[in-house]
Structure formats: C-alpha cells, structure tokens
Amino acid sequence: MPRLHVCSLARIGEMVEKTGARSMVTLLSPGTEVLRPDAITAENHLNIGMSDIVVAAPGQVAPGVAHVEELIQFVRRWDRAAPMLIHCYAGVSRSTASAFITVCTLAPQRDEREIALALRRASPTATPNTRLVALADAYLGRDGRMRAAIDAIGRGVDCYEGAPFALEIA
C-alpha cells in the first residue's frame, strides 16, 4: 500500500520526485503561494488555507470543521495507486496533524495511540496541531481518543523545519 509522506514547503519538489507521489495536500496560511509540481495534477491537489494556530486570533484563519471535512473527503477519494505527500510550511504541525488524521480516516481499525506512536517514531519533531486533531476526532466519532493519543506523545523536538518522513496507513 502506498505511503503518506510529510515534508515542508521547501522540500515538496524534491519529495514528489523522490517518492513518486501523485497526490498532494497543501496546508498553508491563506495567500501563501505554492507551485504545484508537474507530477501532481490539479484534481489530485488539495490546497487548504489556514493558519497554524490552535486558538482563534485576529487576522488569522483558525482550522475549522470545513477544513477537516475537505481533508477527509479528499483522502477518502485518494486511489492509493501512488503515494500522497502532505506538507505545510515547516512540516511540523499542520502536516503532521493531517497525516495522523489521514491514517485514522483510512485505517479506522487501527488504535489511535499506535498511530501516534508511529508518528513519533517517524518524526521526533512532529507537533501535530491540536485544534485540527480535536476537530477530526469529533468529526470521525473517535470519542477523544485521537486527542488523547496526540497528548500522550507530547510536543516534538523544537526545530525550524522538520525532516521529511513517511507514515504507513495500515
């Protein structure tokens, strides 16, 4: 089964080439420009404009239910014929939350804590956006287990940019 790959904005071209990804999720602040690699068609690219915040703030776009719905609908349509790349600006918060949400969506039988531990093993810097995770937890009916799993792995190691990593779905 194809993997999910996670990276920063600066590494998307390199990672699409290296992994053979043909689907991509972009999670950047509204107005941040991203050049979609040629290997990713427009219909296989989801671009969600949201700020990396957990509490609403003036001038920012907080992650919302509509963002989570878009992500979940997009990953459910993914044909899994080739890998998917998920990225945000630094590859640390929005993208790692979205990778966690994607695995929880596509492998509902997997234990949330096991997925969170796999995320931590794959990325010591992963600090999933807790607002995104909480919204997805409610949307997917996981009864707080997604939030608890992310709380259990704690904050990742501080960094400017997370190293690219892969996460298995099943």
N, C-alpha and C. Protein backbone atom coordinates (compact mmCIF):
# COMPACT_ATOMS: atom_id res chain seq x y z
N MET A 1 0.85 -1.19 0.00
CA MET A 1 0.00 0.00 0.00
C MET A 1 0.89 1.24 0.00
N PRO A 2 0.56 2.23 -0.82
CA PRO A 2 1.37 3.46 -0.85
C PRO A 2 1.38 4.17 0.51
N ARG A 3 2.44 4.86 0.73
CA ARG A 3 2.64 5.57 1.98
C ARG A 3 2.22 7.02 1.88
N LEU A 4 2.11 7.60 3.06
CA LEU A 4 1.99 9.05 3.18
C LEU A 4 3.39 9.58 3.42
N HIS A 5 3.70 10.68 2.79
CA HIS A 5 4.97 11.35 3.02
C HIS A 5 4.66 12.75 3.50
N VAL A 6 5.48 13.24 4.42
CA VAL A 6 5.28 14.55 5.02
C VAL A 6 6.56 15.34 4.90
N CYS A 7 6.41 16.64 4.55
CA CYS A 7 7.59 17.49 4.44
C CYS A 7 7.19 18.96 4.55
N SER A 8 8.18 19.81 4.46
CA SER A 8 7.97 21.25 4.48
C SER A 8 7.72 21.76 3.06
N LEU A 9 7.27 23.00 2.98
CA LEU A 9 7.06 23.65 1.68
C LEU A 9 8.33 23.64 0.84
N ALA A 10 9.46 23.88 1.46
CA ALA A 10 10.73 23.97 0.73
C ALA A 10 11.13 22.65 0.07
N ARG A 11 10.58 21.53 0.52
CA ARG A 11 11.04 20.23 0.04
C ARG A 11 10.04 19.52 -0.87
N ILE A 12 8.91 20.17 -1.24
CA ILE A 12 7.90 19.43 -1.99
C ILE A 12 8.38 18.92 -3.34
N GLY A 13 9.11 19.73 -4.10
CA GLY A 13 9.59 19.27 -5.41
C GLY A 13 10.48 18.05 -5.29
N GLU A 14 11.41 18.12 -4.38
CA GLU A 14 12.34 17.01 -4.14
C GLU A 14 11.59 15.76 -3.68
N MET A 15 10.62 15.92 -2.80
CA MET A 15 9.91 14.76 -2.25
C MET A 15 8.96 14.13 -3.27
N VAL A 16 8.32 14.93 -4.10
CA VAL A 16 7.47 14.35 -5.16
C VAL A 16 8.33 13.52 -6.09
N GLU A 17 9.49 14.04 -6.45
CA GLU A 17 10.39 13.30 -7.34
C GLU A 17 10.92 12.03 -6.67
N LYS A 18 11.33 12.14 -5.43
CA LYS A 18 11.93 11.02 -4.70
C LYS A 18 10.92 9.91 -4.40
N THR A 19 9.68 10.28 -4.05
CA THR A 19 8.69 9.30 -3.59
C THR A 19 7.75 8.81 -4.67
N GLY A 20 7.63 9.56 -5.76
CA GLY A 20 6.66 9.22 -6.80
C GLY A 20 5.25 9.61 -6.43
N ALA A 21 5.11 10.51 -5.46
CA ALA A 21 3.77 10.96 -5.04
C ALA A 21 3.02 11.54 -6.23
N ARG A 22 1.72 11.26 -6.29
CA ARG A 22 0.88 11.78 -7.35
C ARG A 22 -0.35 12.50 -6.79
N SER A 23 -0.44 12.57 -5.46
CA SER A 23 -1.48 13.33 -4.77
C SER A 23 -0.77 14.18 -3.72
N MET A 24 -1.35 15.36 -3.45
CA MET A 24 -0.70 16.26 -2.50
C MET A 24 -1.72 17.09 -1.75
N VAL A 25 -1.46 17.26 -0.45
CA VAL A 25 -2.25 18.14 0.40
C VAL A 25 -1.33 19.26 0.84
N THR A 26 -1.76 20.50 0.59
CA THR A 26 -1.04 21.71 0.99
C THR A 26 -1.83 22.37 2.11
N LEU A 27 -1.14 22.69 3.20
CA LEU A 27 -1.77 23.36 4.35
C LEU A 27 -0.92 24.57 4.69
N LEU A 28 -1.30 25.71 4.13
CA LEU A 28 -0.53 26.94 4.32
C LEU A 28 -1.45 28.08 4.71
N SER A 29 -0.88 29.11 5.28
CA SER A 29 -1.67 30.30 5.60
C SER A 29 -2.26 30.86 4.31
N PRO A 30 -3.48 31.39 4.38
CA PRO A 30 -4.10 31.95 3.18
C PRO A 30 -3.17 32.98 2.52
N GLY A 31 -3.07 32.87 1.20
CA GLY A 31 -2.25 33.80 0.44
C GLY A 31 -0.81 33.34 0.24
N THR A 32 -0.38 32.28 0.92
CA THR A 32 0.97 31.77 0.73
C THR A 32 1.01 31.02 -0.60
N GLU A 33 1.91 31.40 -1.44
CA GLU A 33 2.00 30.80 -2.77
C GLU A 33 2.70 29.45 -2.73
N VAL A 34 2.16 28.52 -3.48
CA VAL A 34 2.79 27.21 -3.64
C VAL A 34 2.75 26.86 -5.12
N LEU A 35 3.87 26.41 -5.63
CA LEU A 35 3.93 25.95 -7.02
C LEU A 35 3.76 24.44 -7.01
N ARG A 36 2.65 23.99 -7.57
CA ARG A 36 2.36 22.56 -7.63
C ARG A 36 3.33 21.89 -8.59
N PRO A 37 4.03 20.84 -8.14
CA PRO A 37 4.92 20.11 -9.05
C PRO A 37 4.15 19.54 -10.23
N ASP A 38 4.77 19.48 -11.38
CA ASP A 38 4.12 18.99 -12.59
C ASP A 38 3.54 17.59 -12.45
N ALA A 39 4.14 16.74 -11.62
CA ALA A 39 3.68 15.37 -11.45
C ALA A 39 2.35 15.28 -10.70
N ILE A 40 1.95 16.36 -10.08
CA ILE A 40 0.69 16.40 -9.32
C ILE A 40 -0.33 17.16 -10.15
N THR A 41 -1.39 16.48 -10.56
CA THR A 41 -2.44 17.15 -11.33
C THR A 41 -3.30 18.00 -10.41
N ALA A 42 -3.98 18.96 -10.98
CA ALA A 42 -4.82 19.86 -10.19
C ALA A 42 -5.89 19.09 -9.40
N GLU A 43 -6.48 18.07 -10.01
CA GLU A 43 -7.52 17.31 -9.30
C GLU A 43 -6.97 16.45 -8.17
N ASN A 44 -5.67 16.21 -8.16
CA ASN A 44 -5.03 15.44 -7.10
C ASN A 44 -4.29 16.33 -6.10
N HIS A 45 -4.65 17.61 -6.09
CA HIS A 45 -4.02 18.56 -5.16
C HIS A 45 -5.09 19.27 -4.36
N LEU A 46 -5.02 19.13 -3.05
CA LEU A 46 -5.91 19.85 -2.15
C LEU A 46 -5.10 20.95 -1.48
N ASN A 47 -5.55 22.19 -1.63
CA ASN A 47 -4.87 23.34 -1.04
C ASN A 47 -5.81 23.96 -0.01
N ILE A 48 -5.46 23.80 1.27
CA ILE A 48 -6.29 24.31 2.36
C ILE A 48 -5.58 25.52 2.99
N GLY A 49 -6.27 26.66 2.96
CA GLY A 49 -5.71 27.88 3.55
C GLY A 49 -6.13 28.03 4.99
N MET A 50 -5.18 27.85 5.89
CA MET A 50 -5.43 28.03 7.33
C MET A 50 -4.13 28.38 8.03
N SER A 51 -4.25 29.11 9.10
CA SER A 51 -3.09 29.48 9.90
C SER A 51 -2.75 28.33 10.85
N ASP A 52 -1.52 28.28 11.27
CA ASP A 52 -1.08 27.26 12.22
C ASP A 52 -1.30 27.78 13.64
N ILE A 53 -2.56 27.80 14.04
CA ILE A 53 -2.93 28.28 15.37
C ILE A 53 -3.89 27.28 16.00
N VAL A 54 -4.00 27.33 17.32
CA VAL A 54 -4.95 26.45 18.00
C VAL A 54 -6.07 27.25 18.67
N VAL A 55 -5.88 28.57 18.78
CA VAL A 55 -6.88 29.47 19.35
C VAL A 55 -7.12 30.58 18.34
N ALA A 56 -8.37 30.90 18.08
CA ALA A 56 -8.70 31.96 17.12
C ALA A 56 -7.96 33.24 17.48
N ALA A 57 -7.46 33.93 16.46
CA ALA A 57 -6.73 35.18 16.65
C ALA A 57 -7.08 36.14 15.52
N PRO A 58 -7.15 37.44 15.82
CA PRO A 58 -7.47 38.42 14.78
C PRO A 58 -6.49 38.33 13.60
N GLY A 59 -7.05 38.40 12.40
CA GLY A 59 -6.22 38.37 11.19
C GLY A 59 -5.73 36.99 10.80
N GLN A 60 -6.11 35.96 11.54
CA GLN A 60 -5.68 34.59 11.26
C GLN A 60 -6.90 33.75 10.89
N VAL A 61 -6.66 32.66 10.18
CA VAL A 61 -7.73 31.72 9.84
C VAL A 61 -7.48 30.45 10.65
N ALA A 62 -8.28 30.27 11.69
CA ALA A 62 -8.13 29.09 12.54
C ALA A 62 -8.64 27.85 11.81
N PRO A 63 -8.00 26.71 12.05
CA PRO A 63 -8.53 25.47 11.49
C PRO A 63 -9.97 25.28 11.93
N GLY A 64 -10.83 24.86 10.99
CA GLY A 64 -12.24 24.69 11.29
C GLY A 64 -12.77 23.37 10.77
N VAL A 65 -14.02 23.10 11.09
CA VAL A 65 -14.66 21.86 10.67
C VAL A 65 -14.64 21.72 9.15
N ALA A 66 -14.87 22.81 8.43
CA ALA A 66 -14.87 22.75 6.96
C ALA A 66 -13.50 22.30 6.43
N HIS A 67 -12.43 22.73 7.07
CA HIS A 67 -11.08 22.30 6.65
C HIS A 67 -10.90 20.80 6.86
N VAL A 68 -11.36 20.31 8.00
CA VAL A 68 -11.27 18.89 8.31
C VAL A 68 -12.11 18.08 7.33
N GLU A 69 -13.32 18.53 7.04
CA GLU A 69 -14.18 17.84 6.08
C GLU A 69 -13.51 17.76 4.71
N GLU A 70 -12.93 18.87 4.26
CA GLU A 70 -12.22 18.88 2.96
C GLU A 70 -11.11 17.84 2.94
N LEU A 71 -10.30 17.83 3.99
CA LEU A 71 -9.19 16.88 4.07
C LEU A 71 -9.70 15.45 4.04
N ILE A 72 -10.66 15.14 4.88
CA ILE A 72 -11.16 13.77 4.97
C ILE A 72 -11.81 13.33 3.66
N GLN A 73 -12.58 14.19 3.03
CA GLN A 73 -13.19 13.83 1.75
C GLN A 73 -12.12 13.60 0.67
N PHE A 74 -11.08 14.44 0.68
CA PHE A 74 -10.00 14.29 -0.31
C PHE A 74 -9.26 12.97 -0.11
N VAL A 75 -8.88 12.65 1.13
CA VAL A 75 -8.11 11.42 1.34
C VAL A 75 -8.96 10.18 1.10
N ARG A 76 -10.25 10.27 1.33
CA ARG A 76 -11.12 9.13 1.04
C ARG A 76 -11.24 8.88 -0.46
N ARG A 77 -11.06 9.91 -1.27
CA ARG A 77 -11.10 9.77 -2.74
C ARG A 77 -9.76 9.30 -3.31
N TRP A 78 -8.69 9.40 -2.54
CA TRP A 78 -7.36 9.01 -2.99
C TRP A 78 -7.36 7.56 -3.44
N ASP A 79 -6.92 7.28 -4.66
CA ASP A 79 -6.96 5.92 -5.19
C ASP A 79 -5.83 5.04 -4.68
N ARG A 80 -4.85 5.62 -4.03
CA ARG A 80 -3.71 4.92 -3.42
C ARG A 80 -2.86 4.17 -4.44
N ALA A 81 -2.97 4.55 -5.71
CA ALA A 81 -2.13 3.95 -6.75
C ALA A 81 -0.69 4.44 -6.62
N ALA A 82 -0.50 5.58 -6.03
CA ALA A 82 0.83 6.17 -5.81
C ALA A 82 0.80 6.90 -4.48
N PRO A 83 1.95 7.18 -3.90
CA PRO A 83 2.00 7.86 -2.60
C PRO A 83 1.34 9.24 -2.62
N MET A 84 1.00 9.70 -1.41
CA MET A 84 0.47 11.04 -1.20
C MET A 84 1.48 11.83 -0.37
N LEU A 85 1.66 13.09 -0.74
CA LEU A 85 2.52 13.99 0.00
C LEU A 85 1.65 15.00 0.73
N ILE A 86 1.93 15.20 2.01
CA ILE A 86 1.23 16.19 2.81
C ILE A 86 2.29 17.17 3.30
N HIS A 87 2.04 18.47 3.08
CA HIS A 87 3.04 19.43 3.53
C HIS A 87 2.38 20.68 4.09
N CYS A 88 3.13 21.34 4.95
CA CYS A 88 2.77 22.66 5.45
C CYS A 88 4.04 23.50 5.33
N TYR A 89 4.09 24.62 5.98
CA TYR A 89 5.26 25.48 5.82
C TYR A 89 6.53 24.82 6.35
N ALA A 90 6.48 24.32 7.58
CA ALA A 90 7.69 23.74 8.20
C ALA A 90 7.68 22.21 8.25
N GLY A 91 6.55 21.59 7.94
CA GLY A 91 6.49 20.13 8.01
C GLY A 91 6.45 19.62 9.45
N VAL A 92 5.86 20.40 10.35
CA VAL A 92 5.88 20.07 11.77
C VAL A 92 4.49 19.97 12.39
N SER A 93 3.58 20.86 12.08
CA SER A 93 2.33 20.95 12.83
C SER A 93 1.08 20.61 12.00
N ARG A 94 0.73 21.46 11.04
CA ARG A 94 -0.47 21.19 10.25
C ARG A 94 -0.35 19.90 9.45
N SER A 95 0.83 19.69 8.86
CA SER A 95 1.01 18.49 8.03
C SER A 95 1.05 17.22 8.86
N THR A 96 1.67 17.25 10.04
CA THR A 96 1.72 16.04 10.86
C THR A 96 0.34 15.72 11.43
N ALA A 97 -0.43 16.75 11.79
CA ALA A 97 -1.81 16.54 12.23
C ALA A 97 -2.61 15.91 11.09
N SER A 98 -2.43 16.42 9.89
CA SER A 98 -3.18 15.92 8.73
C SER A 98 -2.78 14.49 8.37
N ALA A 99 -1.51 14.15 8.53
CA ALA A 99 -1.07 12.77 8.29
C ALA A 99 -1.72 11.83 9.31
N PHE A 100 -1.73 12.25 10.57
CA PHE A 100 -2.38 11.47 11.63
C PHE A 100 -3.86 11.29 11.34
N ILE A 101 -4.52 12.37 10.96
CA ILE A 101 -5.95 12.34 10.61
C ILE A 101 -6.19 11.41 9.42
N THR A 102 -5.32 11.47 8.44
CA THR A 102 -5.45 10.63 7.25
C THR A 102 -5.39 9.15 7.61
N VAL A 103 -4.41 8.77 8.44
CA VAL A 103 -4.30 7.36 8.83
C VAL A 103 -5.52 6.95 9.65
N CYS A 104 -5.96 7.79 10.57
CA CYS A 104 -7.16 7.48 11.36
C CYS A 104 -8.38 7.32 10.46
N THR A 105 -8.45 8.10 9.39
CA THR A 105 -9.58 8.03 8.45
C THR A 105 -9.54 6.76 7.61
N LEU A 106 -8.37 6.45 7.07
CA LEU A 106 -8.26 5.35 6.12
C LEU A 106 -8.05 3.99 6.77
N ALA A 107 -7.68 3.99 8.04
CA ALA A 107 -7.49 2.73 8.78
C ALA A 107 -8.25 2.81 10.10
N PRO A 108 -9.58 2.87 10.03
CA PRO A 108 -10.37 3.07 11.24
C PRO A 108 -10.20 1.98 12.30
N GLN A 109 -9.69 0.81 11.89
CA GLN A 109 -9.48 -0.28 12.84
C GLN A 109 -8.21 -0.09 13.66
N ARG A 110 -7.30 0.80 13.22
CA ARG A 110 -6.04 0.99 13.96
C ARG A 110 -6.26 1.81 15.22
N ASP A 111 -5.55 1.45 16.24
CA ASP A 111 -5.60 2.16 17.52
C ASP A 111 -4.93 3.53 17.38
N GLU A 112 -5.58 4.54 17.90
CA GLU A 112 -5.08 5.92 17.78
C GLU A 112 -3.72 6.08 18.44
N ARG A 113 -3.52 5.45 19.60
CA ARG A 113 -2.22 5.57 20.28
C ARG A 113 -1.10 4.94 19.46
N GLU A 114 -1.41 3.81 18.83
CA GLU A 114 -0.39 3.15 18.00
C GLU A 114 -0.02 4.04 16.81
N ILE A 115 -1.02 4.70 16.23
CA ILE A 115 -0.75 5.60 15.10
C ILE A 115 0.09 6.78 15.58
N ALA A 116 -0.26 7.35 16.73
CA ALA A 116 0.51 8.47 17.27
C ALA A 116 1.94 8.06 17.59
N LEU A 117 2.13 6.88 18.13
CA LEU A 117 3.49 6.40 18.42
C LEU A 117 4.28 6.18 17.13
N ALA A 118 3.62 5.67 16.09
CA ALA A 118 4.28 5.51 14.79
C ALA A 118 4.69 6.87 14.24
N LEU A 119 3.82 7.86 14.42
CA LEU A 119 4.14 9.23 14.00
C LEU A 119 5.37 9.74 14.75
N ARG A 120 5.42 9.54 16.06
CA ARG A 120 6.56 9.99 16.84
C ARG A 120 7.85 9.28 16.43
N ARG A 121 7.78 7.97 16.18
CA ARG A 121 8.96 7.23 15.74
C ARG A 121 9.46 7.76 14.40
N ALA A 122 8.53 8.08 13.51
CA ALA A 122 8.90 8.57 12.18
C ALA A 122 9.45 9.99 12.22
N SER A 123 8.97 10.80 13.18
CA SER A 123 9.36 12.20 13.23
C SER A 123 9.49 12.70 14.67
N PRO A 124 10.72 12.85 15.15
CA PRO A 124 10.93 13.37 16.50
C PRO A 124 10.45 14.82 16.64
N THR A 125 10.30 15.53 15.52
CA THR A 125 9.89 16.94 15.57
C THR A 125 8.39 17.15 15.41
N ALA A 126 7.65 16.10 15.09
CA ALA A 126 6.21 16.24 14.85
C ALA A 126 5.52 16.82 16.09
N THR A 127 4.79 17.90 15.85
CA THR A 127 3.98 18.54 16.89
C THR A 127 2.62 18.83 16.26
N PRO A 128 1.78 17.80 16.13
CA PRO A 128 0.51 17.97 15.42
C PRO A 128 -0.35 19.09 16.01
N ASN A 129 -0.94 19.86 15.11
CA ASN A 129 -1.83 20.95 15.52
C ASN A 129 -3.02 20.33 16.26
N THR A 130 -3.12 20.65 17.55
CA THR A 130 -4.13 20.01 18.39
C THR A 130 -5.55 20.43 18.04
N ARG A 131 -5.72 21.60 17.50
CA ARG A 131 -7.06 22.03 17.09
C ARG A 131 -7.55 21.16 15.92
N LEU A 132 -6.69 20.95 14.94
CA LEU A 132 -7.06 20.08 13.80
C LEU A 132 -7.39 18.68 14.29
N VAL A 133 -6.57 18.15 15.17
CA VAL A 133 -6.79 16.79 15.68
C VAL A 133 -8.12 16.72 16.44
N ALA A 134 -8.40 17.69 17.29
CA ALA A 134 -9.65 17.68 18.06
C ALA A 134 -10.87 17.75 17.14
N LEU A 135 -10.80 18.59 16.12
CA LEU A 135 -11.91 18.69 15.18
C LEU A 135 -12.13 17.38 14.43
N ALA A 136 -11.04 16.75 14.01
CA ALA A 136 -11.14 15.48 13.29
C ALA A 136 -11.64 14.38 14.22
N ASP A 137 -11.20 14.40 15.46
CA ASP A 137 -11.64 13.42 16.45
C ASP A 137 -13.17 13.46 16.55
N ALA A 138 -13.72 14.65 16.68
CA ALA A 138 -15.18 14.81 16.77
C ALA A 138 -15.85 14.38 15.47
N TYR A 139 -15.29 14.81 14.33
CA TYR A 139 -15.88 14.51 13.02
C TYR A 139 -15.92 13.01 12.75
N LEU A 140 -14.83 12.31 13.14
CA LEU A 140 -14.73 10.88 12.89
C LEU A 140 -15.38 10.04 14.00
N GLY A 141 -15.87 10.69 15.04
CA GLY A 141 -16.51 9.97 16.15
C GLY A 141 -15.55 9.11 16.95
N ARG A 142 -14.34 9.59 17.15
CA ARG A 142 -13.32 8.82 17.87
C ARG A 142 -13.35 9.05 19.39
N ASP A 143 -14.34 9.78 19.86
CA ASP A 143 -14.60 9.93 21.30
C ASP A 143 -13.40 10.38 22.13
N GLY A 144 -12.60 11.28 21.59
CA GLY A 144 -11.47 11.83 22.34
C GLY A 144 -10.20 11.02 22.26
N ARG A 145 -10.25 9.87 21.62
CA ARG A 145 -9.06 9.01 21.56
C ARG A 145 -7.94 9.60 20.71
N MET A 146 -8.30 10.32 19.63
CA MET A 146 -7.25 10.95 18.80
C MET A 146 -6.54 12.04 19.60
N ARG A 147 -7.32 12.86 20.29
CA ARG A 147 -6.73 13.94 21.11
C ARG A 147 -5.84 13.35 22.20
N ALA A 148 -6.33 12.32 22.87
CA ALA A 148 -5.55 11.70 23.95
C ALA A 148 -4.26 11.09 23.42
N ALA A 149 -4.32 10.49 22.24
CA ALA A 149 -3.11 9.87 21.66
C ALA A 149 -2.05 10.92 21.33
N ILE A 150 -2.48 12.05 20.78
CA ILE A 150 -1.53 13.12 20.45
C ILE A 150 -1.01 13.77 21.73
N ASP A 151 -1.87 13.95 22.71
CA ASP A 151 -1.41 14.47 24.01
C ASP A 151 -0.35 13.55 24.61
N ALA A 152 -0.54 12.23 24.46
CA ALA A 152 0.38 11.25 25.05
C ALA A 152 1.78 11.30 24.44
N ILE A 153 1.89 11.62 23.15
CA ILE A 153 3.24 11.67 22.56
C ILE A 153 3.92 13.00 22.84
N GLY A 154 3.16 14.01 23.25
CA GLY A 154 3.74 15.30 23.62
C GLY A 154 4.29 16.08 22.43
N ARG A 155 4.84 17.22 22.78
CA ARG A 155 5.42 18.12 21.80
C ARG A 155 6.71 17.52 21.24
N GLY A 156 6.93 17.73 19.95
CA GLY A 156 8.16 17.25 19.34
C GLY A 156 9.34 18.15 19.68
N VAL A 157 10.49 17.73 19.24
CA VAL A 157 11.73 18.49 19.42
C VAL A 157 11.62 19.79 18.63
N ASP A 158 12.01 20.90 19.25
CA ASP A 158 11.98 22.18 18.56
C ASP A 158 12.89 22.17 17.34
N CYS A 159 12.43 22.81 16.27
CA CYS A 159 13.21 22.88 15.05
C CYS A 159 12.68 24.02 14.20
N TYR A 160 13.44 24.40 13.19
CA TYR A 160 12.96 25.38 12.22
C TYR A 160 12.15 24.69 11.13
N GLU A 161 12.61 23.50 10.77
CA GLU A 161 11.99 22.73 9.69
C GLU A 161 12.10 21.25 10.03
N GLY A 162 10.99 20.54 9.94
CA GLY A 162 11.01 19.11 10.19
C GLY A 162 11.63 18.35 9.04
N ALA A 163 12.30 17.24 9.34
CA ALA A 163 12.85 16.38 8.30
C ALA A 163 11.71 15.60 7.66
N PRO A 164 11.78 15.39 6.34
CA PRO A 164 10.74 14.61 5.67
C PRO A 164 10.66 13.21 6.28
N PHE A 165 9.46 12.64 6.29
CA PHE A 165 9.28 11.28 6.80
C PHE A 165 8.10 10.63 6.12
N ALA A 166 7.99 9.32 6.31
CA ALA A 166 6.88 8.54 5.76
C ALA A 166 6.09 7.91 6.88
N LEU A 167 4.81 7.68 6.63
CA LEU A 167 3.93 7.05 7.61
C LEU A 167 3.09 5.99 6.87
N GLU A 168 3.05 4.80 7.44
CA GLU A 168 2.25 3.72 6.88
C GLU A 168 0.78 3.92 7.23
N ILE A 169 -0.09 3.53 6.35
CA ILE A 169 -1.52 3.65 6.59
C ILE A 169 -2.04 2.44 7.37
N ALA A 170 -1.68 1.26 6.92
CA ALA A 170 -2.20 0.04 7.59
C ALA A 170 -1.11 -0.64 8.39
